[in-house]
Protein backbone atom coordinates (compact mmCIF):
# COMPACT_ATOMS: atom_id res chain seq x y z
CA MET A 1 0.00 0.00 0.00
CA LEU A 2 2.82 2.43 0.88
CA ARG A 3 4.47 1.65 -2.47
CA VAL A 4 1.22 2.53 -4.29
CA ILE A 5 0.84 5.79 -2.37
CA LEU A 6 4.45 6.78 -3.12
CA LEU A 7 3.93 5.91 -6.78
CA LEU A 8 0.78 8.03 -6.92
CA VAL A 9 2.42 10.97 -5.16
CA GLY A 10 5.25 10.77 -7.70
CA ALA A 11 2.70 10.72 -10.52
CA LEU A 12 0.99 13.77 -9.05
CA LEU A 13 4.29 15.64 -8.99
CA VAL A 14 4.79 14.81 -12.67
CA LEU A 15 1.24 15.85 -13.54
CA LEU A 16 1.25 19.05 -11.48
CA PRO A 17 1.26 22.32 -13.29
CA ARG A 18 4.29 24.45 -12.36
CA SER A 19 3.82 25.31 -8.71
CA ALA A 20 3.39 28.99 -9.68
CA ASP A 21 0.36 27.96 -11.75
CA ALA A 22 -1.36 25.98 -9.00
CA GLN A 23 -4.16 28.10 -7.58
CA GLU A 24 -6.16 25.54 -5.62
CA VAL A 25 -5.31 22.47 -3.57
CA PHE A 26 -7.97 19.89 -2.72
CA VAL A 27 -8.30 16.80 -0.56
CA GLY A 28 -11.05 14.23 -0.80
CA VAL A 29 -12.42 11.20 1.00
CA LEU A 30 -14.60 9.01 -1.22
CA SER A 31 -16.32 5.64 -0.96
CA HIS A 32 -14.75 3.33 -3.57
CA GLY A 33 -16.63 0.89 -5.80
CA VAL A 34 -20.08 2.43 -5.32
CA ASP A 35 -22.78 0.69 -7.39
CA THR A 36 -24.45 3.11 -9.81
CA PRO A 37 -26.29 2.67 -13.12
CA LEU A 38 -22.96 3.42 -14.86
CA THR A 39 -21.06 0.48 -13.38
CA LYS A 40 -21.14 -3.27 -12.91
CA ALA A 41 -20.00 -4.96 -9.70
CA THR A 42 -16.20 -5.15 -9.56
CA GLY A 43 -15.88 -6.46 -6.01
CA GLU A 44 -13.83 -3.40 -5.07
CA GLY A 45 -14.49 -1.28 -2.00
CA GLY A 46 -12.88 0.68 0.78
CA THR A 47 -12.11 4.37 0.93
CA ASP A 48 -10.19 6.55 -1.51
CA LEU A 49 -8.02 9.42 -0.28
CA GLN A 50 -7.50 12.10 -2.93
CA LEU A 51 -4.95 14.90 -3.15
CA GLY A 52 -4.91 17.30 -6.07
CA VAL A 53 -4.42 20.74 -7.56
CA ARG A 54 -6.23 23.02 -9.97
CA GLY A 55 -4.28 25.45 -12.11
CA LYS A 56 -4.89 28.96 -13.38
CA PRO A 57 -8.05 29.41 -15.45
CA VAL A 58 -7.64 28.72 -19.16
CA LEU A 59 -11.05 30.29 -19.76
CA ASN A 60 -12.97 32.72 -17.59
CA ALA A 61 -16.47 33.50 -18.87
CA GLY A 62 -18.38 35.34 -16.16
CA VAL A 63 -19.87 32.73 -13.83
CA ALA A 64 -17.95 29.85 -15.50
CA THR A 65 -14.23 29.13 -15.11
CA LEU A 66 -12.33 26.34 -16.90
CA ARG A 67 -9.21 25.08 -15.08
CA PRO A 68 -6.76 22.20 -15.52
CA TYR A 69 -6.53 19.74 -12.63
CA ALA A 70 -4.40 16.82 -11.53
CA PHE A 71 -4.85 14.48 -8.58
CA VAL A 72 -3.96 11.12 -7.12
CA SER A 73 -6.46 8.78 -5.51
CA ALA A 74 -5.15 6.07 -3.18
CA ASN A 75 -7.46 3.23 -2.15
CA THR A 76 -6.99 2.30 1.52
CA ARG A 77 -8.01 -1.34 0.97
CA GLY A 78 -5.42 -2.01 -1.71
CA ASP A 79 -7.91 -1.98 -4.59
CA THR A 80 -7.53 0.26 -7.64
CA SER A 81 -5.64 3.52 -7.09
CA PHE A 82 -5.05 6.05 -9.86
CA ALA A 83 -3.63 9.38 -11.00
CA ALA A 84 -5.76 11.67 -13.20
CA ALA A 85 -5.49 14.97 -15.05
CA GLY A 86 -8.04 16.93 -17.04
CA LEU A 87 -10.18 20.06 -17.25
CA ALA A 88 -12.97 21.13 -14.88
CA LEU A 89 -15.59 23.82 -15.48
CA THR A 90 -16.75 25.57 -12.30
CA VAL A 91 -20.12 27.27 -12.74
CA GLY A 92 -21.03 29.61 -9.89
CA LEU A 93 -24.73 29.77 -9.08
CA PRO A 94 -26.46 31.71 -6.28
CA GLY A 95 -25.34 30.01 -3.06
CA PHE A 96 -23.53 27.06 -4.63
CA PHE A 97 -21.46 25.86 -7.59
CA VAL A 98 -21.43 22.93 -9.99
CA ARG A 99 -18.09 21.56 -11.22
CA PRO A 100 -18.18 18.97 -14.04
CA GLY A 101 -14.84 17.72 -15.31
CA ILE A 102 -13.31 15.28 -17.76
CA GLY A 103 -9.84 13.83 -17.74
CA LEU A 104 -7.70 10.78 -18.31
CA ALA A 105 -6.51 8.45 -15.56
CA VAL A 106 -3.84 5.79 -15.26
CA HIS A 107 -4.64 3.12 -12.66
CA ASP A 108 -2.90 0.24 -10.92
CA GLY A 109 -5.90 -2.14 -10.91
CA PRO A 110 -5.53 -5.70 -12.17
CA SER A 111 -5.13 -6.16 -15.91
CA TYR A 112 -7.24 -9.34 -15.71
CA ARG A 113 -9.69 -10.30 -12.95
CA VAL A 114 -12.69 -12.65 -12.98
CA GLY A 115 -15.40 -12.65 -10.31
CA ALA A 116 -16.91 -15.79 -8.74
CA ASP A 117 -19.75 -15.61 -11.29
CA GLY A 118 -17.30 -15.78 -14.21
CA PHE A 119 -17.78 -12.09 -15.11
CA ARG A 120 -14.59 -10.14 -15.81
CA THR A 121 -14.23 -7.29 -13.33
CA ASP A 122 -11.00 -5.64 -14.50
CA LEU A 123 -11.32 -2.21 -16.12
CA GLY A 124 -10.14 -3.45 -19.53
CA SER A 125 -7.49 -0.77 -20.11
CA ARG A 126 -4.69 0.76 -18.05
CA VAL A 127 -5.70 4.23 -19.33
CA VAL A 128 -9.33 5.26 -18.79
CA PHE A 129 -11.49 8.36 -18.96
CA GLU A 130 -12.17 10.11 -15.67
CA PRO A 131 -15.40 12.13 -15.77
CA GLU A 132 -16.36 13.77 -12.49
CA LEU A 133 -19.03 16.00 -11.04
CA GLY A 134 -18.95 18.11 -7.89
CA VAL A 135 -21.67 20.22 -6.29
CA GLY A 136 -20.59 22.47 -3.45
CA PHE A 137 -20.61 25.75 -1.62
CA THR A 138 -18.21 28.25 -0.07
CA ILE A 139 -17.60 27.73 3.65
CA LEU A 140 -14.89 30.40 4.10
CA PRO A 141 -13.62 33.08 1.68
CA ARG A 142 -10.92 30.74 0.28
CA VAL A 143 -12.41 27.34 1.23
CA THR A 144 -15.12 25.30 -0.48
CA ALA A 145 -16.69 21.93 0.28
CA GLU A 146 -18.37 19.69 -2.28
CA VAL A 147 -20.04 16.36 -2.80
CA GLN A 148 -17.99 14.58 -5.45
CA TRP A 149 -18.62 11.76 -7.94
CA THR A 150 -15.65 10.33 -9.84
CA HIS A 151 -16.00 7.66 -12.53
CA LEU A 152 -13.38 5.53 -14.29
CA SER A 153 -14.27 4.00 -17.65
CA HIS A 154 -13.08 3.80 -21.23
CA ALA A 155 -16.55 3.55 -22.85
CA GLN A 156 -15.47 0.34 -24.62
CA LEU A 157 -13.16 2.35 -26.86
CA PHE A 158 -10.00 0.48 -25.84
CA SER A 159 -11.52 -3.00 -25.38
CA ARG A 160 -14.90 -4.67 -24.94
CA GLN A 161 -14.16 -5.13 -21.23
CA ASN A 162 -15.48 -2.11 -19.30
CA PRO A 163 -17.38 -2.54 -16.00
CA GLY A 164 -16.55 1.02 -14.87
CA LEU A 165 -15.74 2.13 -11.34
CA ASP A 166 -17.45 4.87 -9.29
CA MET A 167 -16.36 6.78 -6.22
CA ILE A 168 -18.65 9.13 -4.26
CA GLY A 169 -17.65 11.33 -1.33
CA THR A 170 -16.51 14.80 -0.37
CA ARG A 171 -13.73 17.19 -1.30
CA VAL A 172 -12.48 20.32 0.42
CA THR A 173 -10.67 22.90 -1.72
CA ILE A 174 -8.39 25.68 -0.53
CA ARG A 175 -7.68 28.56 -2.90
CA LEU A 176 -4.04 29.58 -2.54
CA PRO A 177 -3.21 33.24 -1.84
């Protein structure tokens, strides 16, 4: 487990924008392997701990801001951990915000795994898409909290094997001075 965490921290350092470009740091605690209509049972579970950054806006259009992000997600049970990077659009609404994002992730899950029922439960590709959605609110001038959904899948573009994997939990973001 420590080896995986060190690997993911190293991947985050590679994926990070230059430290001068990082404007937000976030931490998350998410339930791993949540059953949703977008996934099939993989047998995975536990808790994911996330650490990430968001960079300077690449687009600022009034209430909407598009930013690059990178993060690592370490599973505490030893199931699939991953590093991801992408773009997130924060849309500020009265009293709350919505933050959809899309990125790519590289994971350390098994390359081949079969459940007791004979169904393959591996993700089918080492590289997967990482769509996410957060809904949150400001709790202090530079601090936000959000409910977060993160999904790993390759939409059967890289192979026919694709059960998907969902994580749901919370993130806290601190805007750097």
